[in-house]
Amino acid sequence: MPNSGPNREFWRLRMCGARFEDGGIPLQVLSDLGALREMVMEVAKGRYLAENPDRQRAPRGFADKVDLRLTGIDKGSAVSVINFTTTETLLPGIPPQYLDCLLWARDAIARSVASASGNGNTSSDQIVPKSLLAYFNRIGRSLHEGESIEFPMPDDSAPAQLTSETRRLLVQRSEITELTQEATLRGTVPEVDQEKVTFELQQIYGKRIVASIPEQYREVIIKAFNGYRENHRILVQGIGRYDHRDRLSGVETIEQVTPPGPSGRSCTTGRASPYGRRLVGWGWQSSFSSRFRLAIRQFPTELP
């Protein structure tokens, strides 16, 4: 394993909002920082190629020569301190051109966020290329209403604020057609496909959603499936995919599935349709299916 070289501060990102007031950062937000590291490296590679038009690709191991690490969290509204560190193959320092590209990428990201916020008038060659704005589909999706990530601006002006709204605008400017964000989905399970290891969630309000069955929640989903005729509902929390009209089009990942309450409380979401498929396996079987609808906007802590 290579030894780390000397650290040098790269970024101080302030997390603003009620969840960050005690100086801590929720674990789910840390995944945003991992995606941010990837974005910095890709933007830096693009800058390197722009400055070296005779090359068709970045040097081998470009992203391995410098690493970005979360090295501290200051108190107040949580401030994540991100340093870059060199590997032993580059000691005692970073090649100047690599460093320049990294710093340019850092500043271009801040300028892009500021541009989406309506602050500043930056030319297109000083912000992140359109194709790489897709990284914002993973950065900031854990932000709740009233929360933001502040990016220092290179000219020491007011920080650029990444909010759920500016993030949406940045994703819209990219070349992708779907926005991912946290979703809480509630409904019944009218159908399970054993071969594909998927299930359908009949939403209370929404359209039919098909999702993969996480192994750790298989029994919970099967229990809800077997209780479909009694309108047993489950609560699914994870990352949803939304189209440009803000309509849920699918589920990217499932992070938690909450089973029906111990009293067997349920609600009526519609009649079972006369059509369906037979499901046999894992010790259960059934022969019914129906359409369903699901609620997403709120984040209830328990089933009503």
Protein backbone atom coordinates (compact mmCIF):
# COMPACT_ATOMS: atom_id res chain seq x y z
CA MET A 1 0.00 0.00 0.00
CA PRO A 2 1.42 3.40 -0.88
CA ASN A 3 2.02 5.85 1.90
CA SER A 4 0.26 9.16 1.83
CA GLY A 5 2.22 12.30 1.19
CA PRO A 6 1.66 15.65 2.84
CA ASN A 7 -1.90 16.98 3.01
CA ARG A 8 -2.92 20.29 1.52
CA GLU A 9 -6.32 21.83 2.01
CA PHE A 10 -8.40 21.65 -1.11
CA TRP A 11 -11.97 22.52 -0.08
CA ARG A 12 -14.00 23.65 2.90
CA LEU A 13 -17.61 22.85 2.14
CA ARG A 14 -20.21 24.15 4.58
CA MET A 15 -23.36 22.08 5.13
CA CYS A 16 -26.25 24.32 6.12
CA GLY A 17 -29.55 23.23 7.66
CA ALA A 18 -31.06 21.85 10.83
CA ARG A 19 -29.41 18.42 10.46
CA PHE A 20 -25.94 19.99 10.40
CA GLU A 21 -26.27 22.50 13.25
CA ASP A 22 -24.61 20.20 15.80
CA GLY A 23 -21.52 19.95 13.62
CA GLY A 24 -22.21 16.42 12.42
CA ILE A 25 -22.87 15.07 8.94
CA PRO A 26 -25.47 12.30 8.42
CA LEU A 27 -23.91 9.20 6.92
CA GLN A 28 -26.15 9.30 3.85
CA VAL A 29 -24.68 12.70 2.95
CA LEU A 30 -21.17 11.24 2.84
CA SER A 31 -22.05 9.38 -0.37
CA ASP A 32 -22.51 12.82 -1.97
CA LEU A 33 -18.90 13.63 -1.13
CA GLY A 34 -17.74 10.39 -2.74
CA ALA A 35 -19.52 11.34 -5.96
CA LEU A 36 -18.02 14.83 -5.71
CA ARG A 37 -14.52 13.34 -5.68
CA GLU A 38 -15.31 11.42 -8.87
CA MET A 39 -16.61 14.60 -10.48
CA VAL A 40 -13.49 16.58 -9.60
CA MET A 41 -11.29 13.91 -11.17
CA GLU A 42 -13.33 13.72 -14.37
CA VAL A 43 -13.51 17.50 -14.77
CA ALA A 44 -9.76 17.70 -14.15
CA LYS A 45 -9.14 15.04 -16.83
CA GLY A 46 -11.23 17.01 -19.27
CA ARG A 47 -9.27 20.16 -18.50
CA TYR A 48 -5.98 18.32 -19.01
CA LEU A 49 -7.09 17.11 -22.45
CA ALA A 50 -8.28 20.60 -23.39
CA GLU A 51 -4.83 21.94 -22.53
CA ASN A 52 -3.12 19.08 -24.38
CA PRO A 53 -5.04 18.69 -27.67
CA ASP A 54 -2.41 16.33 -29.02
CA ARG A 55 -3.49 13.70 -26.48
CA GLN A 56 -6.61 11.56 -26.88
CA ARG A 57 -6.77 10.47 -23.25
CA ALA A 58 -5.43 11.48 -19.87
CA PRO A 59 -2.16 9.90 -18.70
CA ARG A 60 -2.47 6.43 -17.24
CA GLY A 61 -3.19 6.61 -13.53
CA PHE A 62 -4.09 10.30 -13.67
CA ALA A 63 -6.71 9.92 -10.92
CA ASP A 64 -4.38 7.77 -8.83
CA LYS A 65 -1.66 10.38 -8.53
CA VAL A 66 -3.73 12.61 -6.26
CA ASP A 67 -6.37 11.64 -3.73
CA LEU A 68 -9.08 13.72 -2.08
CA ARG A 69 -9.93 12.87 1.50
CA LEU A 70 -12.33 14.10 4.15
CA THR A 71 -9.89 15.02 6.91
CA GLY A 72 -12.10 16.87 9.36
CA ILE A 73 -15.45 18.39 10.24
CA ASP A 74 -15.51 21.82 11.86
CA LYS A 75 -18.28 22.76 14.28
CA GLY A 76 -21.13 25.18 13.77
CA SER A 77 -22.99 24.31 10.60
CA ALA A 78 -20.93 21.31 9.60
CA VAL A 79 -17.90 22.26 7.52
CA SER A 80 -16.28 19.31 5.77
CA VAL A 81 -12.56 19.83 5.26
CA ILE A 82 -11.34 18.05 2.13
CA ASN A 83 -7.61 17.80 1.53
CA PHE A 84 -5.65 16.44 -1.38
CA THR A 85 -2.71 14.21 -0.75
CA THR A 86 0.01 12.84 -3.02
CA THR A 87 1.02 9.22 -3.39
CA GLU A 88 4.56 8.01 -2.76
CA THR A 89 5.29 7.82 -6.49
CA LEU A 90 4.99 11.59 -6.71
CA LEU A 91 6.69 12.74 -3.57
CA PRO A 92 7.66 15.35 -2.72
CA GLY A 93 4.91 17.08 -4.71
CA ILE A 94 2.22 17.04 -7.37
CA PRO A 95 3.16 17.80 -11.01
CA PRO A 96 2.16 21.45 -11.53
CA GLN A 97 -0.12 20.74 -14.48
CA TYR A 98 -2.06 18.07 -12.57
CA LEU A 99 -2.49 20.44 -9.65
CA ASP A 100 -3.63 23.26 -11.92
CA CYS A 101 -6.25 20.97 -13.47
CA LEU A 102 -7.54 19.91 -10.08
CA LEU A 103 -7.84 23.49 -8.87
CA TRP A 104 -9.54 24.51 -12.12
CA ALA A 105 -12.04 21.66 -11.68
CA ARG A 106 -12.76 22.73 -8.11
CA ASP A 107 -13.43 26.32 -9.18
CA ALA A 108 -15.44 25.30 -12.26
CA ILE A 109 -17.78 23.25 -10.06
CA ALA A 110 -18.32 26.25 -7.76
CA ARG A 111 -18.95 28.53 -10.74
CA SER A 112 -21.45 26.05 -12.17
CA VAL A 113 -23.39 25.93 -8.90
CA ALA A 114 -23.36 29.74 -8.73
CA SER A 115 -24.62 29.93 -12.31
CA ALA A 116 -27.58 27.66 -11.49
CA SER A 117 -28.33 29.88 -8.50
CA GLY A 118 -28.53 32.91 -10.77
CA ASN A 119 -25.37 34.43 -9.31
CA GLY A 120 -22.56 35.62 -11.54
CA ASN A 121 -22.17 35.77 -15.30
CA THR A 122 -19.63 33.11 -16.17
CA SER A 123 -18.64 32.12 -19.70
CA SER A 124 -19.27 28.53 -20.75
CA ASP A 125 -15.54 27.73 -20.92
CA GLN A 126 -15.17 28.43 -17.20
CA ILE A 127 -17.81 26.02 -15.93
CA VAL A 128 -18.26 22.26 -15.94
CA PRO A 129 -18.97 20.78 -19.41
CA LYS A 130 -22.58 19.88 -19.99
CA SER A 131 -21.98 16.12 -20.05
CA LEU A 132 -20.29 16.13 -16.63
CA LEU A 133 -23.11 18.04 -14.96
CA ALA A 134 -24.76 14.61 -14.75
CA TYR A 135 -22.70 14.04 -11.59
CA PHE A 136 -25.12 16.35 -9.80
CA ASN A 137 -27.64 13.53 -10.16
CA ARG A 138 -25.70 11.92 -7.31
CA ILE A 139 -24.37 15.01 -5.54
CA GLY A 140 -26.87 16.72 -3.27
CA ARG A 141 -29.72 14.26 -3.66
CA SER A 142 -29.69 13.67 0.11
CA LEU A 143 -30.41 17.36 0.77
CA HIS A 144 -33.74 18.13 2.41
CA GLU A 145 -35.81 21.26 2.02
CA GLY A 146 -34.03 24.23 3.59
CA GLU A 147 -30.60 22.58 3.39
CA SER A 148 -27.64 23.46 1.20
CA ILE A 149 -23.97 22.81 0.54
CA GLU A 150 -21.88 25.97 0.20
CA PHE A 151 -18.98 25.96 -2.26
CA PRO A 152 -16.33 28.68 -1.83
CA MET A 153 -15.97 30.86 -4.92
CA PRO A 154 -12.50 31.42 -6.44
CA ASP A 155 -12.88 35.22 -6.22
CA ASP A 156 -13.84 35.07 -2.51
CA SER A 157 -17.33 36.34 -3.27
CA ALA A 158 -20.41 34.89 -1.56
CA PRO A 159 -20.35 31.07 -1.60
CA ALA A 160 -22.30 29.20 -4.25
CA GLN A 161 -25.20 27.32 -2.66
CA LEU A 162 -26.21 23.90 -3.88
CA THR A 163 -29.84 23.32 -2.89
CA SER A 164 -32.36 20.77 -4.09
CA GLU A 165 -33.62 23.35 -6.59
CA THR A 166 -30.21 24.39 -8.00
CA ARG A 167 -29.29 20.72 -8.20
CA ARG A 168 -32.43 20.09 -10.26
CA LEU A 169 -31.47 22.89 -12.65
CA LEU A 170 -27.94 21.53 -13.03
CA VAL A 171 -29.23 18.05 -13.86
CA GLN A 172 -31.66 19.53 -16.38
CA ARG A 173 -28.71 21.20 -18.11
CA SER A 174 -26.91 17.88 -18.45
CA GLU A 175 -27.50 15.26 -21.11
CA ILE A 176 -29.53 12.91 -18.92
CA THR A 177 -33.31 12.77 -18.83
CA GLU A 178 -34.02 11.56 -15.28
CA LEU A 179 -33.41 13.07 -11.86
CA THR A 180 -32.66 10.83 -8.88
CA GLN A 181 -33.61 11.82 -5.37
CA GLU A 182 -34.67 10.35 -2.06
CA ALA A 183 -38.16 8.88 -2.10
CA THR A 184 -40.49 7.35 0.44
CA LEU A 185 -43.00 5.07 -1.25
CA ARG A 186 -46.04 3.42 0.31
CA GLY A 187 -48.35 0.79 -1.07
CA THR A 188 -49.27 -2.85 -1.40
CA VAL A 189 -47.45 -5.71 -3.15
CA PRO A 190 -49.76 -7.39 -5.69
CA GLU A 191 -47.09 -9.27 -7.60
CA VAL A 192 -43.65 -10.84 -7.15
CA ASP A 193 -41.51 -12.35 -9.90
CA GLN A 194 -39.32 -15.08 -8.44
CA GLU A 195 -37.33 -15.60 -11.64
CA LYS A 196 -36.41 -11.92 -12.00
CA VAL A 197 -36.30 -11.35 -8.21
CA THR A 198 -38.50 -8.27 -8.52
CA PHE A 199 -41.76 -7.08 -7.00
CA GLU A 200 -44.44 -4.61 -7.94
CA LEU A 201 -45.55 -1.91 -5.57
CA GLN A 202 -49.13 -0.75 -5.96
CA GLN A 203 -48.91 2.90 -5.02
CA ILE A 204 -51.57 4.75 -3.10
CA TYR A 205 -51.04 7.75 -5.37
CA GLY A 206 -48.95 7.21 -8.48
CA LYS A 207 -48.18 4.59 -11.08
CA ARG A 208 -47.08 0.95 -10.93
CA ILE A 209 -43.45 0.57 -9.91
CA VAL A 210 -41.30 -2.52 -10.42
CA ALA A 211 -38.20 -2.85 -8.24
CA SER A 212 -35.58 -5.43 -7.37
CA ILE A 213 -36.01 -7.34 -4.12
CA PRO A 214 -33.15 -6.63 -1.69
CA GLU A 215 -32.17 -9.91 -0.05
CA GLN A 216 -32.35 -8.43 3.46
CA TYR A 217 -35.99 -7.39 2.92
CA ARG A 218 -37.17 -10.46 1.02
CA GLU A 219 -39.25 -11.85 3.90
CA VAL A 220 -40.89 -8.47 4.57
CA ILE A 221 -41.89 -8.11 0.91
CA ILE A 222 -43.17 -11.69 0.72
CA LYS A 223 -45.23 -11.14 3.88
CA ALA A 224 -46.78 -8.03 2.32
CA PHE A 225 -47.44 -9.99 -0.88
CA ASN A 226 -49.20 -12.76 1.03
CA GLY A 227 -51.24 -10.12 2.85
CA TYR A 228 -52.27 -8.31 -0.31
CA ARG A 229 -55.93 -9.36 -0.08
CA GLU A 230 -56.02 -7.79 3.38
CA ASN A 231 -54.48 -4.64 1.87
CA HIS A 232 -51.28 -4.86 3.90
CA ARG A 233 -49.01 -1.97 3.03
CA ILE A 234 -45.27 -1.48 3.26
CA LEU A 235 -43.14 1.64 3.37
CA VAL A 236 -40.20 1.67 0.93
CA GLN A 237 -37.41 4.22 1.32
CA GLY A 238 -34.67 4.66 -1.23
CA ILE A 239 -33.66 6.56 -4.35
CA GLY A 240 -36.30 7.20 -6.98
CA ARG A 241 -35.95 8.22 -10.63
CA TYR A 242 -38.07 11.11 -11.91
CA ASP A 243 -38.70 12.39 -15.41
CA HIS A 244 -38.62 16.04 -16.50
CA ARG A 245 -42.24 16.42 -15.36
CA ASP A 246 -41.28 15.26 -11.85
CA ARG A 247 -43.10 11.95 -12.28
CA LEU A 248 -41.69 8.85 -10.64
CA SER A 249 -40.45 6.50 -13.35
CA GLY A 250 -38.64 3.88 -11.28
CA VAL A 251 -36.60 2.99 -8.22
CA GLU A 252 -32.81 3.03 -8.45
CA THR A 253 -32.02 1.60 -5.03
CA ILE A 254 -33.97 0.47 -1.96
CA GLU A 255 -32.44 1.36 1.38
CA GLN A 256 -35.17 0.29 3.79
CA VAL A 257 -38.50 -1.53 3.77
CA THR A 258 -40.79 -1.13 6.78
CA PRO A 259 -43.28 -3.96 7.36
CA PRO A 260 -46.96 -3.47 8.25
CA GLY A 261 -47.64 -2.49 11.85
CA PRO A 262 -47.98 -5.22 14.50
CA SER A 263 -51.76 -4.69 14.67
CA GLY A 264 -52.06 -5.53 10.98
CA ARG A 265 -53.39 -2.11 10.13
CA SER A 266 -54.13 -1.66 6.45
CA CYS A 267 -55.95 0.54 4.00
CA THR A 268 -58.00 -0.02 0.90
CA THR A 269 -56.14 0.91 -2.28
CA GLY A 270 -58.41 -0.67 -4.84
CA ARG A 271 -59.95 -3.96 -5.91
CA ALA A 272 -57.80 -6.89 -6.99
CA SER A 273 -57.91 -7.38 -10.73
CA PRO A 274 -59.11 -10.70 -12.15
CA TYR A 275 -55.84 -11.19 -14.01
CA GLY A 276 -52.40 -12.10 -12.67
CA ARG A 277 -49.65 -14.71 -12.59
CA ARG A 278 -49.05 -17.66 -10.36
CA LEU A 279 -46.08 -17.39 -8.05
CA VAL A 280 -44.50 -20.44 -6.45
CA GLY A 281 -41.30 -20.55 -4.44
CA TRP A 282 -39.64 -19.52 -1.19
CA GLY A 283 -42.51 -21.30 0.61
CA TRP A 284 -45.37 -19.16 -0.74
CA GLN A 285 -47.73 -19.04 -3.68
CA SER A 286 -50.60 -16.96 -5.02
CA SER A 287 -52.46 -16.21 -8.21
CA PHE A 288 -53.56 -12.61 -8.13
CA SER A 289 -52.30 -9.28 -9.30
CA SER A 290 -53.63 -5.76 -9.76
CA ARG A 291 -52.69 -2.20 -10.46
CA PHE A 292 -51.50 0.05 -7.69
CA ARG A 293 -50.54 3.59 -6.79
CA LEU A 294 -47.95 4.98 -4.36
CA ALA A 295 -47.24 8.13 -2.30
CA ILE A 296 -43.82 9.79 -2.45
CA ARG A 297 -43.56 13.38 -1.37
CA GLN A 298 -43.69 13.04 2.39
CA PHE A 299 -41.34 11.11 4.63
CA PRO A 300 -43.53 9.55 7.35
CA THR A 301 -41.76 7.77 10.18
CA GLU A 302 -44.44 5.13 10.61
CA LEU A 303 -47.39 3.69 8.79
CA PRO A 304 -50.71 5.36 9.58
